[in-house]
Protein backbone atom coordinates (compact mmCIF):
# COMPACT_ATOMS: atom_id res chain seq x y z
CA UNK A 1 22.77 -14.41 -32.60
CA UNK A 2 19.87 -12.45 -31.11
CA UNK A 3 18.71 -9.60 -33.34
CA UNK A 4 18.79 -6.15 -31.71
CA UNK A 5 15.51 -4.41 -30.83
CA UNK A 6 16.16 -1.91 -33.61
CA UNK A 7 18.24 -2.01 -36.77
CA UNK A 8 21.50 -0.59 -35.43
CA UNK A 9 21.18 -1.67 -31.80
CA UNK A 10 21.20 1.93 -30.55
CA UNK A 11 19.87 2.12 -26.97
CA UNK A 12 18.69 5.72 -27.19
CA UNK A 13 16.75 4.96 -30.35
CA UNK A 14 15.01 2.05 -28.63
CA UNK A 15 14.23 4.21 -25.57
CA UNK A 16 12.74 6.89 -27.81
CA UNK A 17 10.53 4.25 -29.42
CA UNK A 18 9.34 3.08 -26.01
CA UNK A 19 8.57 6.64 -24.93
CA UNK A 20 6.64 7.30 -28.13
CA UNK A 21 4.54 4.19 -27.59
CA UNK A 22 3.70 5.23 -24.03
CA UNK A 23 2.78 8.74 -25.15
CA UNK A 24 0.55 7.42 -27.92
CA UNK A 25 -1.40 5.38 -25.35
CA UNK A 26 -1.47 8.24 -22.80
CA UNK A 27 0.56 6.13 -20.36
CA UNK A 28 3.57 8.41 -19.96
CA UNK A 29 4.33 9.19 -16.31
CA UNK A 30 5.91 12.37 -14.99
CA UNK A 31 6.92 13.28 -11.46
CA UNK A 32 5.37 16.35 -9.90
CA UNK A 33 7.65 18.29 -7.56
CA UNK A 34 5.69 19.40 -4.52
CA UNK A 35 6.27 21.28 -1.32
CA UNK A 36 3.97 20.72 1.63
CA UNK A 37 2.04 23.55 3.22
CA UNK A 38 0.07 21.46 5.74
CA UNK A 39 -1.39 17.96 6.10
CA UNK A 40 -3.66 18.29 3.04
CA UNK A 41 -2.30 21.28 1.12
CA UNK A 42 0.62 21.11 -1.28
CA UNK A 43 2.33 23.60 -3.57
CA UNK A 44 3.42 22.85 -7.13
CA UNK A 45 5.37 25.89 -8.27
CA UNK A 46 2.93 28.78 -7.89
CA UNK A 47 -0.10 26.49 -7.56
CA UNK A 48 -1.63 25.84 -4.13
CA UNK A 49 -3.52 22.55 -4.30
CA UNK A 50 -5.76 20.54 -2.00
CA UNK A 51 -4.23 17.06 -2.01
CA UNK A 52 -6.58 14.12 -2.60
CA UNK A 53 -3.85 11.77 -3.85
CA UNK A 54 -1.89 10.93 -0.71
CA UNK A 55 -1.83 7.95 1.63
CA UNK A 56 -1.42 9.95 4.85
CA UNK A 57 -4.77 8.59 5.97
CA UNK A 58 -4.62 9.77 9.59
CA UNK A 59 -2.87 13.07 8.90
CA UNK A 60 0.22 12.12 10.91
CA UNK A 61 3.04 12.85 8.46
CA UNK A 62 3.49 16.39 9.82
CA UNK A 63 2.56 15.67 13.44
CA UNK A 64 4.78 17.65 15.85
CA UNK A 65 5.44 14.60 18.06
CA UNK A 66 6.82 12.67 15.10
CA UNK A 67 8.94 15.60 13.96
CA UNK A 68 10.36 16.07 17.46
CA UNK A 69 11.09 12.34 17.81
CA UNK A 70 12.92 12.29 14.48
CA UNK A 71 15.00 15.36 15.35
CA UNK A 72 15.93 14.06 18.80
CA UNK A 73 16.90 10.65 17.47
CA UNK A 74 18.95 12.19 14.63
CA UNK A 75 20.86 14.22 17.21
CA UNK A 76 21.56 11.07 19.21
CA UNK A 77 21.98 8.42 16.51
CA UNK A 78 22.86 10.32 13.34
CA UNK A 79 21.01 10.09 10.04
CA UNK A 80 21.77 6.73 8.40
CA UNK A 81 21.99 3.32 10.02
CA UNK A 82 25.27 2.73 8.19
CA UNK A 83 24.79 -0.95 7.33
CA UNK A 84 22.32 -3.76 6.89
CA UNK A 85 20.59 -5.00 10.02
CA UNK A 86 22.62 -8.21 10.15
CA UNK A 87 25.95 -6.40 9.92
CA UNK A 88 25.89 -3.36 12.20
CA UNK A 89 22.77 -1.39 11.24
CA UNK A 90 20.31 -2.72 13.83
CA UNK A 91 19.92 -0.10 16.55
CA UNK A 92 18.02 0.30 19.81
CA UNK A 93 15.28 2.33 18.12
CA UNK A 94 14.70 -0.53 15.68
CA UNK A 95 14.49 -3.05 18.50
CA UNK A 96 12.02 -0.94 20.45
CA UNK A 97 9.82 -0.31 17.41
CA UNK A 98 9.69 -4.03 16.57
CA UNK A 99 8.70 -4.84 20.17
CA UNK A 100 6.01 -2.13 20.31
CA UNK A 101 4.56 -3.09 16.91
CA UNK A 102 4.38 -6.75 17.98
CA UNK A 103 2.47 -5.76 21.12
CA UNK A 104 0.15 -3.49 19.11
CA UNK A 105 -0.59 -6.16 16.49
CA UNK A 106 -0.81 -8.95 19.11
CA UNK A 107 1.84 -11.00 17.34
CA UNK A 108 4.86 -12.77 18.78
CA UNK A 109 7.44 -10.83 16.80
CA UNK A 110 7.88 -8.20 14.11
CA UNK A 111 10.65 -7.68 11.56
CA UNK A 112 11.28 -4.17 10.25
CA UNK A 113 11.95 -3.75 6.53
CA UNK A 114 13.10 -0.75 4.55
CA UNK A 115 9.96 -0.73 2.37
CA UNK A 116 6.71 -2.57 1.87
CA UNK A 117 7.96 -3.78 -1.50
CA UNK A 118 10.97 -5.43 0.13
CA UNK A 119 8.79 -6.90 2.88
CA UNK A 120 6.55 -8.65 0.36
CA UNK A 121 9.55 -9.94 -1.59
CA UNK A 122 10.94 -11.30 1.67
CA UNK A 123 7.80 -13.27 2.49
CA UNK A 124 7.40 -14.95 -0.90
CA UNK A 125 11.06 -15.80 -1.47
CA UNK A 126 11.78 -17.14 2.00
CA UNK A 127 8.62 -19.26 2.41
CA UNK A 128 8.32 -20.83 -1.05
CA UNK A 129 10.50 -22.15 -3.84
CA UNK A 130 10.36 -24.37 -6.91
CA UNK A 131 7.77 -27.13 -6.42
CA UNK A 132 5.54 -24.94 -4.22
CA UNK A 133 2.57 -22.84 -5.29
CA UNK A 134 1.56 -19.25 -4.56
CA UNK A 135 -2.09 -18.36 -5.16
CA UNK A 136 -2.97 -14.67 -5.32
CA UNK A 137 -5.95 -12.42 -5.84
CA UNK A 138 -5.70 -10.92 -9.35
CA UNK A 139 -5.73 -7.40 -7.89
CA UNK A 140 -2.81 -7.98 -5.52
CA UNK A 141 -0.19 -5.25 -5.31
CA UNK A 142 2.71 -5.36 -7.76
CA UNK A 143 5.17 -6.21 -4.98
CA UNK A 144 3.22 -9.38 -4.18
CA UNK A 145 3.24 -10.42 -7.83
CA UNK A 146 6.97 -9.74 -8.17
CA UNK A 147 7.72 -11.63 -4.95
CA UNK A 148 5.90 -14.67 -6.32
CA UNK A 149 7.84 -14.48 -9.57
CA UNK A 150 11.17 -14.29 -7.77
CA UNK A 151 10.31 -17.20 -5.47
CA UNK A 152 10.33 -19.70 -8.37
CA UNK A 153 7.09 -21.20 -7.02
CA UNK A 154 4.22 -21.79 -9.42
CA UNK A 155 1.98 -18.71 -9.49
CA UNK A 156 -1.79 -19.02 -9.77
CA UNK A 157 -4.21 -16.11 -9.63
CA UNK A 158 -7.91 -16.15 -8.85
CA UNK A 159 -10.51 -13.54 -9.93
CA UNK A 160 -10.83 -10.74 -7.43
CA UNK A 161 -12.24 -12.02 -4.10
CA UNK A 162 -13.56 -15.21 -5.77
CA UNK A 163 -13.42 -17.85 -3.04
CA UNK A 164 -14.97 -20.54 -5.26
CA UNK A 165 -12.14 -20.36 -7.78
CA UNK A 166 -9.57 -20.25 -4.97
CA UNK A 167 -11.05 -23.43 -3.50
CA UNK A 168 -10.72 -25.24 -6.82
CA UNK A 169 -7.12 -24.07 -7.16
CA UNK A 170 -6.30 -25.29 -3.66
CA UNK A 171 -7.91 -28.67 -4.37
CA UNK A 172 -5.62 -29.12 -7.38
CA UNK A 173 -2.47 -27.94 -5.58
CA UNK A 174 -1.48 -31.12 -3.80
CA UNK A 175 2.33 -31.01 -4.13
CA UNK A 176 4.67 -28.81 -2.15
CA UNK A 177 3.67 -25.95 0.11
CA UNK A 178 0.78 -23.63 -0.81
CA UNK A 179 0.86 -19.94 0.12
CA UNK A 180 -2.31 -17.90 -0.41
CA UNK A 181 -1.68 -14.16 -0.68
CA UNK A 182 -4.03 -11.19 -0.65
CA UNK A 183 -4.13 -7.51 0.09
CA UNK A 184 -6.23 -6.71 3.16
CA UNK A 185 -7.57 -3.46 1.72
CA UNK A 186 -6.93 -3.23 -2.02
CA UNK A 187 -4.88 -0.20 -2.97
CA UNK A 188 -6.64 0.76 -6.21
CA UNK A 189 -10.24 -0.37 -5.56
CA UNK A 190 -10.38 0.38 -1.83
CA UNK A 191 -12.46 -2.69 -0.97
CA UNK A 192 -11.61 -5.23 1.71
CA UNK A 193 -10.62 -8.84 1.04
CA UNK A 194 -12.81 -11.67 2.36
CA UNK A 195 -10.09 -12.51 4.86
CA UNK A 196 -12.27 -14.77 7.03
CA UNK A 197 -13.16 -16.87 3.97
CA UNK A 198 -9.54 -16.96 2.84
CA UNK A 199 -8.46 -18.15 6.26
CA UNK A 200 -11.11 -20.88 6.39
CA UNK A 201 -10.08 -22.22 2.98
CA UNK A 202 -6.42 -22.20 3.90
CA UNK A 203 -7.04 -24.15 7.10
CA UNK A 204 -9.26 -26.61 5.22
CA UNK A 205 -6.56 -27.32 2.60
CA UNK A 206 -3.42 -27.01 4.73
CA UNK A 207 -2.26 -23.81 3.02
CA UNK A 208 -0.60 -20.77 4.59
CA UNK A 209 -2.19 -17.33 4.42
CA UNK A 210 -0.28 -14.06 4.02
CA UNK A 211 -2.15 -10.75 4.13
CA UNK A 212 -0.60 -7.44 3.09
CA UNK A 213 -2.60 -4.95 5.15
CA UNK A 214 -0.71 -1.83 4.10
CA UNK A 215 -3.95 0.11 3.56
CA UNK A 216 -5.83 -1.39 6.51
CA UNK A 217 -3.55 -1.16 9.54
CA UNK A 218 -4.16 2.12 11.34
CA UNK A 219 -7.50 2.60 9.56
CA UNK A 220 -9.83 -0.20 10.62
CA UNK A 221 -10.20 -2.83 13.30
CA UNK A 222 -9.89 -2.48 17.09
CA UNK A 223 -7.40 0.31 17.91
CA UNK A 224 -6.52 0.39 14.21
CA UNK A 225 -5.01 -3.09 14.06
CA UNK A 226 -6.31 -3.55 10.52
CA UNK A 227 -8.62 -5.68 8.41
CA UNK A 228 -7.42 -8.99 9.88
CA UNK A 229 -8.25 -7.80 13.40
CA UNK A 230 -11.53 -6.31 12.15
CA UNK A 231 -12.50 -9.81 10.96
CA UNK A 232 -11.69 -11.23 14.39
CA UNK A 233 -8.89 -13.43 13.07
CA UNK A 234 -5.95 -14.55 15.20
CA UNK A 235 -2.28 -14.94 14.38
CA UNK A 236 -2.91 -18.68 13.97
CA UNK A 237 -5.60 -18.03 11.37
CA UNK A 238 -3.48 -15.49 9.49
CA UNK A 239 0.12 -16.50 10.22
CA UNK A 240 1.82 -13.89 7.98
CA UNK A 241 0.90 -10.21 8.17
CA UNK A 242 2.73 -7.40 6.40
CA UNK A 243 2.14 -3.69 6.77
CA UNK A 244 3.68 -0.32 6.08
CA UNK A 245 4.77 2.67 8.11
CA UNK A 246 4.40 4.96 5.09
CA UNK A 247 0.62 5.31 4.94
CA UNK A 248 -1.57 5.62 8.06
CA UNK A 249 1.59 5.99 10.16
CA UNK A 250 2.76 8.92 8.05
CA UNK A 251 6.37 7.72 8.20
CA UNK A 252 8.56 5.34 6.16
CA UNK A 253 9.44 1.65 6.13
CA UNK A 254 7.44 -1.52 6.64
CA UNK A 255 7.19 -4.66 8.73
CA UNK A 256 6.32 -8.35 8.76
CA UNK A 257 4.51 -9.73 11.81
CA UNK A 258 4.12 -13.35 12.89
CA UNK A 259 5.56 -16.07 15.06
CA UNK A 260 9.11 -16.14 16.35
CA UNK A 261 9.85 -19.03 14.00
CA UNK A 262 8.59 -17.02 11.01
CA UNK A 263 10.79 -14.04 11.85
CA UNK A 264 13.83 -16.32 12.34
CA UNK A 265 13.21 -17.80 8.88
CA UNK A 266 13.03 -14.34 7.34
CA UNK A 267 16.16 -13.08 9.09
CA UNK A 268 18.11 -16.06 7.78
CA UNK A 269 16.62 -16.53 4.31
CA UNK A 270 15.03 -13.29 3.04
CA UNK A 271 17.55 -11.76 0.64
CA UNK A 272 15.62 -8.48 0.37
CA UNK A 273 16.08 -8.08 4.13
CA UNK A 274 19.60 -9.45 4.51
CA UNK A 275 21.14 -7.34 1.75
CA UNK A 276 19.40 -4.01 2.37
CA UNK A 277 20.59 -1.13 4.53
CA UNK A 278 18.49 -0.87 7.68
CA UNK A 279 16.04 2.03 7.91
CA UNK A 280 17.50 5.16 9.59
CA UNK A 281 17.11 4.92 13.38
CA UNK A 282 15.63 8.43 13.47
CA UNK A 283 12.78 7.23 11.26
CA UNK A 284 12.23 4.31 13.63
CA UNK A 285 11.92 6.81 16.45
CA UNK A 286 9.38 8.82 14.44
CA UNK A 287 7.43 5.64 13.71
CA UNK A 288 7.30 4.87 17.43
CA UNK A 289 5.71 8.28 18.01
CA UNK A 290 3.26 7.59 15.18
CA UNK A 291 2.35 4.22 16.68
CA UNK A 292 1.29 5.95 19.89
CA UNK A 293 -0.99 8.26 17.95
CA UNK A 294 -2.39 5.41 15.84
CA UNK A 295 -3.26 3.33 18.89
CA UNK A 296 -4.50 6.16 21.12
CA UNK A 297 -6.18 8.67 18.79
CA UNK A 298 -9.43 6.89 18.06
CA UNK A 299 -10.91 10.24 17.08
CA UNK A 300 -8.79 10.23 13.92
CA UNK A 301 -10.40 7.00 12.70
CA UNK A 302 -13.84 8.21 13.75
CA UNK A 303 -13.45 11.46 11.84
CA UNK A 304 -12.07 9.61 8.82
CA UNK A 305 -15.05 7.24 8.79
CA UNK A 306 -17.41 10.23 9.01
CA UNK A 307 -15.61 11.81 6.05
CA UNK A 308 -15.92 8.60 4.03
CA UNK A 309 -19.66 8.35 4.72
CA UNK A 310 -20.19 12.01 3.85
CA UNK A 311 -18.13 11.74 0.67
CA UNK A 312 -20.01 8.72 -0.64
CA UNK A 313 -23.42 10.23 0.11
CA UNK A 314 -22.50 13.58 -1.41
CA UNK A 315 -21.03 11.89 -4.51
CA UNK A 316 -24.25 9.95 -5.05
CA UNK A 317 -26.25 13.17 -4.76
CA UNK A 318 -24.15 14.60 -7.59
CA UNK A 319 -24.59 11.53 -9.77
CA UNK A 320 -20.98 10.36 -9.36
CA UNK A 321 -20.68 6.56 -9.31
CA UNK A 322 -17.88 5.57 -6.96
CA UNK A 323 -16.58 2.04 -6.57
CA UNK A 324 -17.83 0.04 -3.57
CA UNK A 325 -15.32 1.08 -0.91
CA UNK A 326 -15.64 1.88 2.78
CA UNK A 327 -11.96 2.78 3.05
CA UNK A 328 -10.24 6.16 2.52
CA UNK A 329 -9.61 5.04 -1.09
CA UNK A 330 -12.58 6.25 -3.16
CA UNK A 331 -11.99 5.48 -6.86
CA UNK A 332 -13.99 7.12 -9.64
CA UNK A 333 -13.52 4.98 -12.77
CA UNK A 334 -13.39 7.05 -15.97
CA UNK A 335 -12.33 4.35 -18.45
CA UNK A 336 -9.93 5.71 -21.05
CA UNK A 337 -6.49 6.92 -20.03
CA UNK A 338 -6.76 10.10 -22.12
CA UNK A 339 -10.11 11.06 -20.58
CA UNK A 340 -8.78 10.43 -17.08
CA UNK A 341 -5.70 12.55 -17.67
CA UNK A 342 -7.80 15.40 -19.02
CA UNK A 343 -10.16 15.29 -16.04
CA UNK A 344 -7.22 15.29 -13.63
CA UNK A 345 -5.79 18.33 -15.44
CA UNK A 346 -9.11 20.20 -15.24
CA UNK A 347 -9.30 19.54 -11.51
CA UNK A 348 -5.76 20.79 -11.03
CA UNK A 349 -6.72 24.07 -12.68
CA UNK A 350 -9.50 24.32 -10.10
CA UNK A 351 -7.01 23.80 -7.23
CA UNK A 352 -7.21 20.04 -6.58
CA UNK A 353 -4.51 17.39 -6.87
CA UNK A 354 -6.19 14.14 -7.94
CA UNK A 355 -3.75 12.03 -9.91
CA UNK A 356 -4.90 9.86 -12.83
CA UNK A 357 -4.25 6.14 -12.29
CA UNK A 358 -3.75 4.22 -15.55
CA UNK A 359 -2.57 0.81 -16.80
CA UNK A 360 -0.58 -1.18 -15.91
CA UNK A 361 -1.42 -0.12 -12.33
CA UNK A 362 -5.09 -0.88 -13.10
CA UNK A 363 -6.60 -3.07 -15.84
CA UNK A 364 -7.11 -1.69 -19.34
CA UNK A 365 -10.30 0.33 -19.65
CA UNK A 366 -10.49 1.13 -15.93
CA UNK A 367 -8.33 4.25 -15.67
CA UNK A 368 -9.54 6.25 -12.72
CA UNK A 369 -9.23 9.08 -10.30
CA UNK A 370 -8.05 7.42 -7.10
CA UNK A 371 -9.44 9.93 -4.62
CA UNK A 372 -7.99 9.43 -1.15
CA UNK A 373 -9.23 10.96 2.07
CA UNK A 374 -7.34 11.92 5.21
CA UNK A 375 -8.42 12.61 8.76
CA UNK A 376 -6.87 16.03 8.16
CA UNK A 377 -9.51 16.88 5.54
CA UNK A 378 -12.60 18.93 6.35
CA UNK A 379 -16.13 18.21 5.14
CA UNK A 380 -16.20 21.50 3.25
CA UNK A 381 -13.08 20.51 1.30
CA UNK A 382 -14.73 17.28 0.22
CA UNK A 383 -17.80 19.16 -0.99
CA UNK A 384 -15.66 21.58 -2.99
CA UNK A 385 -13.85 18.69 -4.66
CA UNK A 386 -17.07 16.89 -5.53
CA UNK A 387 -18.56 20.06 -7.00
CA UNK A 388 -15.45 20.47 -9.13
CA UNK A 389 -15.53 16.82 -10.26
CA UNK A 390 -19.23 16.99 -11.17
CA UNK A 391 -18.76 20.24 -13.11
CA UNK A 392 -15.64 18.95 -14.88
CA UNK A 393 -17.37 15.71 -15.88
CA UNK A 394 -20.37 17.64 -17.19
CA UNK A 395 -18.34 20.01 -19.35
CA UNK A 396 -15.52 17.63 -20.26
């Protein structure tokens, strides 16, 4: 008989022990209830805060066109889809959004998913199984790691962006199918994967490449088509592309883009797609409005890039060592979880929301402020934040 986790097998006692352990390591997480004032200002109770912890990179989440599209579609189609897509939940708005995303991404077809997490589970579990191998960058998103675990394929991981180690792993993986997986833009470091090198190695060794470009699509590449397009790679060179509607698009949901055969495989085999309620049609309508702004409003990306350049230069002038990132994700590594929490709290008192990111989201000893920029920010707001960070670090 298996011994209980504590002497009397009491669940609440065990949960209290777990909570105490998290608190002792400064890893306890709490939700912060916010109301939104505008694209970059939030309110927490009586506090009005400038938000530098969102993923609304293009400032579209409160765009009037998206709001109007959502309201109109809710009036016409109701709120929920009412079922999974393969039962009766697939509506005209979903079909149109898939078609328009495929045209935008220059892929044959797109499959909508209810979240990026579910999209990444779908890819891993429907393309690989026992006897196959999945090889991932060590800094891949948690959903990619969990998808690999659920697939029953052998999971190998290579040091971040290390193509030499990946090549050796591919050379040894001679049985079954091999799926190489990477973020396009890494969510916690903000740097871009060597996607051209990944693609070349995959073609050399007969492996498949899947790129999760959740933080790249909308931000970089021609018309905002992402890091894969920025590298000049085709759908043949990167056959599986996933992305989200919840970041640069300012909406909700996600998608997988690829060939018609890939989408047919997912529709028939991906359990996280088959057994999930389809996204509300009104949100699909809002995402269609967002797609128009993403593809047409080049000024948003231009302003965002100007903000990134200004932020990095101004941080260096203040002696703040940022990680090497040209994306809206600008991490400042502090090290210890306790120190990072305290710095985040000091910044909040000064009117800035910059959430502390701690293990297991990032490796031990690399707790950080994950500062994120939006096209809705102004240069003056960035300067005020950096002044506050520099002062807080000096007197911390």
